[in-house]
N, C-alpha and C. Protein backbone atom coordinates (compact mmCIF):
# COMPACT_ATOMS: atom_id res chain seq x y z
N MET A 1 -2.21 28.73 -8.32
CA MET A 1 -2.67 27.90 -7.36
C MET A 1 -4.20 27.99 -7.67
N LYS A 2 -4.71 26.44 -7.28
CA LYS A 2 -6.40 26.67 -7.08
C LYS A 2 -6.50 26.82 -5.67
N ASN A 3 -7.52 27.54 -5.34
CA ASN A 3 -8.17 27.99 -4.30
C ASN A 3 -8.79 26.75 -3.62
N LEU A 4 -8.35 26.19 -2.63
CA LEU A 4 -9.21 25.02 -1.95
C LEU A 4 -9.64 25.66 -0.51
N ASN A 5 -10.26 26.84 -0.54
CA ASN A 5 -10.77 27.42 0.60
C ASN A 5 -10.03 27.28 1.78
N ASN A 6 -8.46 27.80 1.65
CA ASN A 6 -7.53 27.77 2.82
C ASN A 6 -7.50 29.23 3.10
N LYS A 7 -7.34 29.63 4.16
CA LYS A 7 -7.12 30.83 4.64
C LYS A 7 -5.93 31.80 4.25
N TYR A 8 -4.81 30.99 3.69
CA TYR A 8 -3.78 31.49 3.20
C TYR A 8 -3.61 31.20 1.68
N SER A 9 -2.95 32.13 0.87
CA SER A 9 -2.60 32.18 -0.34
C SER A 9 -1.45 32.14 -0.87
N TYR A 10 -0.96 31.34 -1.79
CA TYR A 10 0.51 31.49 -2.21
C TYR A 10 0.34 31.24 -3.84
N ASP A 11 1.36 31.98 -4.09
CA ASP A 11 1.62 32.07 -5.63
C ASP A 11 2.60 30.91 -6.22
N THR A 12 3.46 30.53 -5.34
CA THR A 12 4.28 29.23 -5.75
C THR A 12 4.40 28.13 -4.75
N LEU A 13 4.94 27.03 -5.31
CA LEU A 13 5.09 25.93 -4.45
C LEU A 13 5.97 26.28 -3.33
N SER A 14 7.28 26.77 -3.64
CA SER A 14 8.29 27.19 -2.65
C SER A 14 7.78 28.24 -1.57
N GLU A 15 7.01 29.29 -1.91
CA GLU A 15 6.09 30.15 -0.93
C GLU A 15 5.56 29.61 0.14
N ALA A 16 4.63 28.47 -0.52
CA ALA A 16 3.84 27.51 0.25
C ALA A 16 4.52 26.94 1.19
N VAL A 17 5.71 26.26 1.07
CA VAL A 17 6.46 25.40 1.77
C VAL A 17 7.12 26.11 2.77
N ASN A 18 7.75 27.32 2.16
CA ASN A 18 8.48 28.19 3.55
C ASN A 18 7.54 28.60 4.49
N ASP A 19 6.42 29.22 4.11
CA ASP A 19 5.47 29.74 4.90
C ASP A 19 4.92 28.49 6.07
N LEU A 20 4.53 27.52 5.40
CA LEU A 20 4.06 26.44 6.37
C LEU A 20 5.07 25.81 7.43
N GLN A 21 6.51 25.87 6.77
CA GLN A 21 7.53 25.50 7.81
C GLN A 21 7.65 26.57 8.99
N LYS A 22 7.51 27.82 8.58
CA LYS A 22 7.56 28.82 9.47
C LYS A 22 6.45 28.56 10.67
N ARG A 23 5.33 27.94 10.07
CA ARG A 23 4.17 27.76 11.16
C ARG A 23 4.07 26.30 11.53
N GLY A 24 5.30 25.87 11.52
CA GLY A 24 5.58 24.75 12.62
C GLY A 24 5.42 23.28 11.64
N TYR A 25 5.12 23.34 10.53
CA TYR A 25 4.99 22.06 9.78
C TYR A 25 6.45 21.68 9.09
N THR A 26 7.31 21.12 10.25
CA THR A 26 8.67 20.94 9.86
C THR A 26 8.92 19.70 9.59
N TYR A 27 8.33 18.56 9.55
CA TYR A 27 8.60 17.22 9.26
C TYR A 27 8.21 16.89 7.85
N ASP A 28 8.99 16.05 7.12
CA ASP A 28 8.40 15.52 5.72
C ASP A 28 7.75 14.18 5.91
N PHE A 29 6.57 14.17 5.09
CA PHE A 29 5.99 12.82 5.16
C PHE A 29 5.90 12.50 3.73
N LEU A 30 6.05 11.22 3.83
CA LEU A 30 6.03 10.32 2.40
C LEU A 30 4.90 9.45 2.29
N LEU A 31 4.57 9.23 1.08
CA LEU A 31 3.58 8.29 0.44
C LEU A 31 4.22 7.01 0.03
N PRO A 32 4.36 5.93 1.00
CA PRO A 32 4.79 4.75 0.43
C PRO A 32 4.13 4.05 -0.45
N ASP A 33 4.72 3.64 -1.67
CA ASP A 33 3.95 2.86 -2.60
C ASP A 33 3.41 1.63 -2.28
N ASP A 34 3.84 1.03 -0.87
CA ASP A 34 3.51 -0.35 -0.59
C ASP A 34 2.62 -0.49 0.46
N LYS A 35 2.21 1.17 0.95
CA LYS A 35 1.35 0.87 2.20
C LYS A 35 0.19 2.02 2.28
N GLU A 36 -0.63 1.68 3.02
CA GLU A 36 -2.03 2.66 3.26
C GLU A 36 -1.62 3.44 4.51
N CYS A 37 -0.73 4.21 4.34
CA CYS A 37 -0.37 5.31 5.42
C CYS A 37 0.62 6.30 4.93
N ILE A 38 0.92 7.24 5.71
CA ILE A 38 1.99 8.54 5.46
C ILE A 38 3.35 8.17 6.25
N TYR A 39 4.36 8.21 6.02
CA TYR A 39 5.54 7.99 6.67
C TYR A 39 6.34 9.21 7.08
N CYS A 40 6.94 9.10 8.23
CA CYS A 40 7.91 10.31 8.58
C CYS A 40 9.33 9.38 8.55
N ASN A 41 10.44 10.02 7.76
CA ASN A 41 11.56 9.33 7.84
C ASN A 41 12.29 9.89 9.07
N GLU A 42 12.25 11.09 9.60
CA GLU A 42 12.87 11.40 10.55
C GLU A 42 12.59 11.03 11.75
N GLN A 43 11.22 10.52 12.05
CA GLN A 43 10.85 9.83 13.28
C GLN A 43 10.69 8.37 13.02
N SER A 44 10.76 7.81 11.94
CA SER A 44 10.65 6.49 11.75
C SER A 44 9.19 5.96 12.14
N LEU A 45 8.25 7.00 11.79
CA LEU A 45 6.81 7.01 12.09
C LEU A 45 5.80 6.44 10.99
N GLU A 46 5.16 5.83 11.06
CA GLU A 46 4.00 5.49 10.08
C GLU A 46 2.71 5.92 10.74
N LEU A 47 2.06 6.71 10.02
CA LEU A 47 0.50 7.34 10.60
C LEU A 47 -0.31 6.66 9.69
N SER A 48 -1.50 6.08 10.29
CA SER A 48 -2.66 5.69 9.62
C SER A 48 -3.37 6.81 9.60
N ALA A 49 -4.65 6.67 8.84
CA ALA A 49 -5.47 7.82 8.41
C ALA A 49 -6.31 8.30 9.60
N GLU A 50 -6.32 7.25 10.66
CA GLU A 50 -7.08 7.50 11.86
C GLU A 50 -5.97 8.59 13.08
N GLU A 51 -4.69 8.53 12.45
CA GLU A 51 -3.90 9.18 13.47
C GLU A 51 -3.42 10.89 12.87
N PHE A 52 -4.25 11.11 11.99
CA PHE A 52 -3.69 12.40 11.48
C PHE A 52 -5.01 13.20 10.88
N ILE A 53 -4.76 14.58 10.96
CA ILE A 53 -5.90 15.49 9.91
C ILE A 53 -5.09 16.07 8.96
N ILE A 54 -5.88 16.52 8.11
CA ILE A 54 -5.25 17.49 6.84
C ILE A 54 -5.73 18.85 7.43
N ASP A 55 -4.74 19.59 7.60
CA ASP A 55 -4.96 21.08 8.12
C ASP A 55 -5.28 22.05 6.70
N GLU A 56 -4.43 21.78 6.10
CA GLU A 56 -4.60 22.66 4.72
C GLU A 56 -3.99 21.88 3.43
N VAL A 57 -4.67 22.44 2.05
CA VAL A 57 -4.02 21.65 1.12
C VAL A 57 -3.99 22.88 -0.03
N TYR A 58 -2.81 22.63 -0.72
CA TYR A 58 -2.46 23.71 -1.80
C TYR A 58 -2.06 23.14 -3.20
N ARG A 59 -2.42 23.34 -4.33
CA ARG A 59 -2.55 22.80 -5.23
C ARG A 59 -1.97 23.78 -6.35
N PHE A 60 -0.82 23.39 -7.15
CA PHE A 60 -0.23 24.43 -8.20
C PHE A 60 0.10 23.78 -9.31
N GLU A 61 -0.24 24.45 -10.46
CA GLU A 61 -0.04 23.78 -11.78
C GLU A 61 1.07 24.66 -12.18
N ALA A 62 2.01 24.18 -13.23
CA ALA A 62 2.93 24.48 -13.75
C ALA A 62 2.60 25.65 -14.87
N MET A 63 3.45 26.78 -15.01
CA MET A 63 3.00 27.65 -15.99
C MET A 63 3.45 27.26 -17.26
N SER A 64 4.24 26.62 -17.59
CA SER A 64 4.56 25.90 -18.90
C SER A 64 4.13 24.59 -19.18
N ASP A 65 3.36 24.09 -18.32
CA ASP A 65 2.73 22.71 -18.70
C ASP A 65 1.55 22.48 -17.66
N PRO A 66 0.51 22.79 -18.00
CA PRO A 66 -0.88 22.67 -16.88
C PRO A 66 -0.98 21.26 -16.47
N ASP A 67 -0.31 20.40 -17.36
CA ASP A 67 -0.45 18.76 -16.71
C ASP A 67 0.57 18.33 -15.75
N ASP A 68 1.66 19.46 -15.57
CA ASP A 68 2.66 19.16 -14.40
C ASP A 68 2.10 19.79 -13.20
N GLU A 69 1.65 19.12 -12.33
CA GLU A 69 1.19 19.74 -10.83
C GLU A 69 1.57 19.40 -9.71
N SER A 70 1.79 20.21 -8.69
CA SER A 70 2.20 19.67 -7.32
C SER A 70 1.03 20.17 -6.42
N ILE A 71 1.18 19.26 -5.28
CA ILE A 71 0.12 19.46 -4.20
C ILE A 71 1.08 19.27 -2.84
N VAL A 72 0.36 20.16 -2.06
CA VAL A 72 1.08 19.91 -0.85
C VAL A 72 -0.11 20.15 0.22
N PHE A 73 0.03 19.16 1.21
CA PHE A 73 -0.86 18.56 2.27
C PHE A 73 0.05 19.28 3.66
N ALA A 74 -0.68 19.91 4.24
CA ALA A 74 -0.09 20.25 5.68
C ALA A 74 -1.02 19.27 6.95
N ILE A 75 -0.17 18.41 7.36
CA ILE A 75 -0.79 17.60 8.14
C ILE A 75 -0.02 17.81 9.72
N SER A 76 -1.15 17.33 10.57
CA SER A 76 -0.86 17.29 11.75
C SER A 76 -1.58 15.95 12.81
N SER A 77 -0.75 15.51 13.91
CA SER A 77 -0.98 14.45 14.46
C SER A 77 -1.14 14.87 15.81
N LYS A 78 -2.14 14.79 16.85
CA LYS A 78 -2.07 15.38 18.13
C LYS A 78 -1.68 14.00 18.88
N LYS A 79 -1.80 12.85 18.56
CA LYS A 79 -1.51 11.69 18.91
C LYS A 79 0.18 11.52 19.21
N HIS A 80 0.92 12.08 18.08
CA HIS A 80 2.37 11.84 18.15
C HIS A 80 2.82 13.41 18.17
N SER A 81 2.14 14.31 18.60
CA SER A 81 2.84 15.86 18.73
C SER A 81 3.58 15.90 17.49
N ILE A 82 2.91 15.84 16.14
CA ILE A 82 3.95 16.12 14.91
C ILE A 82 3.16 16.80 14.01
N LYS A 83 3.70 17.86 13.32
CA LYS A 83 3.34 18.69 12.28
C LYS A 83 4.22 18.39 11.03
N GLY A 84 3.68 18.31 9.86
CA GLY A 84 4.56 18.26 8.77
C GLY A 84 3.77 18.21 7.30
N LEU A 85 4.69 18.15 6.36
CA LEU A 85 3.97 18.27 4.85
C LEU A 85 4.23 17.14 4.08
N VAL A 86 3.31 16.68 3.26
CA VAL A 86 3.31 15.96 2.08
C VAL A 86 3.28 16.69 0.88
N ILE A 87 4.53 16.57 0.30
CA ILE A 87 4.43 17.50 -1.14
C ILE A 87 4.43 16.28 -2.14
N ASN A 88 3.72 16.32 -3.12
CA ASN A 88 3.53 15.43 -4.44
C ASN A 88 3.52 16.22 -5.59
N SER A 89 4.44 15.75 -6.47
CA SER A 89 4.29 16.33 -7.83
C SER A 89 3.80 15.28 -8.73
N PHE A 90 2.78 15.37 -9.68
CA PHE A 90 2.33 14.57 -10.63
C PHE A 90 2.21 15.28 -11.74
N GLY A 91 2.16 14.13 -12.73
CA GLY A 91 2.11 14.78 -14.07
C GLY A 91 1.90 13.19 -15.16
N ALA A 92 2.64 13.09 -16.08
CA ALA A 92 2.88 12.18 -16.71
C ALA A 92 3.25 10.91 -16.09
N ASP A 93 4.43 10.95 -15.25
CA ASP A 93 4.94 9.74 -14.87
C ASP A 93 4.37 9.54 -13.22
N PHE A 94 3.14 10.04 -13.06
CA PHE A 94 2.90 9.89 -11.65
C PHE A 94 2.24 8.46 -11.43
N SER A 95 2.58 7.77 -10.39
CA SER A 95 2.35 6.63 -10.47
C SER A 95 0.72 6.23 -10.06
N TYR A 96 0.00 5.49 -10.25
CA TYR A 96 -1.24 5.02 -9.92
C TYR A 96 -1.36 4.94 -8.51
N ARG A 97 -0.64 4.20 -7.69
CA ARG A 97 -0.58 4.31 -6.17
C ARG A 97 -0.53 5.50 -5.64
N SER A 98 0.56 6.34 -5.94
CA SER A 98 0.51 7.45 -5.45
C SER A 98 -1.01 8.70 -5.94
N SER A 99 -1.23 8.25 -6.86
CA SER A 99 -2.68 9.03 -7.13
C SER A 99 -3.70 8.68 -6.55
N LYS A 100 -3.82 7.32 -5.98
CA LYS A 100 -4.74 6.94 -5.10
C LYS A 100 -4.92 7.36 -3.76
N LEU A 101 -3.72 7.38 -3.49
CA LEU A 101 -3.28 7.84 -1.94
C LEU A 101 -3.62 9.47 -2.07
N VAL A 102 -3.22 10.07 -2.84
CA VAL A 102 -3.63 11.59 -2.97
C VAL A 102 -5.24 11.73 -3.06
N GLU A 103 -5.92 11.05 -3.66
CA GLU A 103 -7.26 11.04 -3.69
C GLU A 103 -7.99 10.80 -2.45
N GLU A 104 -7.37 9.73 -1.63
CA GLU A 104 -7.66 9.60 -0.27
C GLU A 104 -7.63 10.56 0.66
N LEU A 105 -6.45 11.30 0.32
CA LEU A 105 -5.88 12.60 1.25
C LEU A 105 -6.90 13.36 0.94
N TYR A 106 -7.10 13.90 -0.32
CA TYR A 106 -8.11 14.95 -0.66
C TYR A 106 -9.62 14.50 0.10
N ARG A 107 -9.81 13.16 -0.22
CA ARG A 107 -11.45 12.79 0.37
C ARG A 107 -11.38 12.97 2.01
N LYS A 108 -10.19 12.75 2.72
CA LYS A 108 -10.29 13.06 4.09
C LYS A 108 -10.29 14.49 4.50
N TYR A 109 -9.70 15.27 3.54
CA TYR A 109 -9.61 16.66 3.92
C TYR A 109 -11.09 17.50 3.62
N ARG A 110 -11.95 17.08 2.68
CA ARG A 110 -13.06 17.45 2.51
C ARG A 110 -14.13 16.91 3.50
């Protein structure tokens, strides 16, 4: 995992997800290909960039293939009283739209 100045450190994606869920990040957010938002399927809720903050970011590289990466964003919204995760894997088949949204999320985090 690359250190992104988080107070927690994880060796694997599953370790990060399990701990973040224990800490209250229980909803799954998606990055729709056709929209400029994140989406929570369980709540049928779209969140624009102004409606959430990124609390933590963790990035993992696969041991067998450094080009195969995963990233976890821990996201919260006070407005909607919701906390959850955006988990995105990317590599050779990672779509342009998804990569742009991940770049936007990274920018928002910094």
